[in-house]
Protein backbone atom coordinates (compact mmCIF):
# COMPACT_ATOMS: atom_id res chain seq x y z
CA UNK A 1 86.83 -133.49 27.07
CA UNK A 2 86.11 -136.82 25.29
CA UNK A 3 83.31 -137.67 22.73
CA UNK A 4 81.60 -139.42 25.65
CA UNK A 5 81.23 -136.18 27.53
CA UNK A 6 80.00 -134.36 24.45
CA UNK A 7 77.28 -137.14 23.92
CA UNK A 8 75.45 -137.16 20.61
CA UNK A 9 77.31 -134.09 19.15
CA UNK A 10 80.70 -135.67 19.65
CA UNK A 11 79.51 -138.79 17.73
CA UNK A 12 78.08 -136.68 15.05
CA UNK A 13 81.36 -134.79 14.69
CA UNK A 14 83.17 -138.23 14.28
CA UNK A 15 80.77 -139.45 11.60
CA UNK A 16 80.97 -136.21 9.80
CA UNK A 17 84.81 -136.48 9.58
CA UNK A 18 84.67 -139.97 8.43
CA UNK A 19 82.19 -139.36 5.55
CA UNK A 20 84.83 -138.13 2.98
CA UNK A 21 86.96 -141.27 4.00
CA UNK A 22 84.15 -143.61 3.27
CA UNK A 23 83.20 -142.01 0.09
CA UNK A 24 86.86 -142.36 -1.21
CA UNK A 25 86.92 -146.07 -0.19
CA UNK A 26 83.46 -146.67 -1.69
CA UNK A 27 84.61 -145.05 -5.08
CA UNK A 28 87.83 -147.04 -4.99
CA UNK A 29 86.23 -150.30 -4.21
CA UNK A 30 82.99 -150.10 -6.31
CA UNK A 31 83.77 -147.69 -9.11
CA UNK A 32 87.47 -148.68 -9.37
CA UNK A 33 88.57 -145.09 -9.07
CA UNK A 34 92.19 -144.45 -8.45
CA UNK A 35 93.37 -143.34 -5.05
CA UNK A 36 96.14 -140.58 -4.84
CA UNK A 37 98.90 -140.36 -2.53
CA UNK A 38 97.43 -137.06 -1.25
CA UNK A 39 94.14 -138.78 -0.53
CA UNK A 40 95.89 -141.37 1.65
CA UNK A 41 97.85 -138.52 3.22
CA UNK A 42 94.51 -136.77 3.94
CA UNK A 43 93.08 -139.97 5.51
CA UNK A 44 95.95 -140.16 7.84
CA UNK A 45 95.40 -136.64 8.96
CA UNK A 46 91.76 -137.29 9.55
CA UNK A 47 92.55 -140.28 11.78
CA UNK A 48 95.18 -138.63 13.59
CA UNK A 49 92.62 -135.60 14.16
CA UNK A 50 90.07 -138.17 15.44
CA UNK A 51 92.50 -139.69 17.89
CA UNK A 52 93.30 -136.32 19.13
CA UNK A 53 89.61 -135.30 19.47
CA UNK A 54 88.65 -138.56 21.27
CA UNK A 55 91.37 -138.38 23.70
CA UNK A 56 91.40 -142.18 24.70
CA UNK A 57 94.80 -142.83 23.25
CA UNK A 58 96.51 -139.91 24.85
CA UNK A 59 94.82 -140.74 28.35
CA UNK A 60 96.03 -144.38 28.29
CA UNK A 61 99.64 -143.24 27.79
CA UNK A 62 99.56 -140.50 30.31
CA UNK A 63 98.00 -142.43 33.22
CA UNK A 64 98.84 -146.22 33.61
CA UNK A 65 95.92 -148.50 34.54
CA UNK A 66 95.53 -148.75 38.30
CA UNK A 67 96.52 -151.96 39.90
CA UNK A 68 94.07 -154.13 41.68
CA UNK A 69 94.94 -155.12 45.27
CA UNK A 70 94.09 -158.60 46.10
CA UNK A 71 93.82 -159.66 49.89
CA UNK A 72 95.98 -162.40 51.00
CA UNK A 73 94.12 -165.23 52.68
């Protein structure tokens, strides 16, 4: 299932997972807080999880786009 099939709850789950990343970026940009390597690794894991939850990337690789047939005149 993709987030489209879950509707509002799927969108809320994605926003919830992105909140710590946004907080880290805001703290880094506005408050000049240092960003540790572990935080960057955590961000990569969250993004990988979001790609897995959403499913669009995996679906594109698994099924190629259908070709359109044009009629010859």
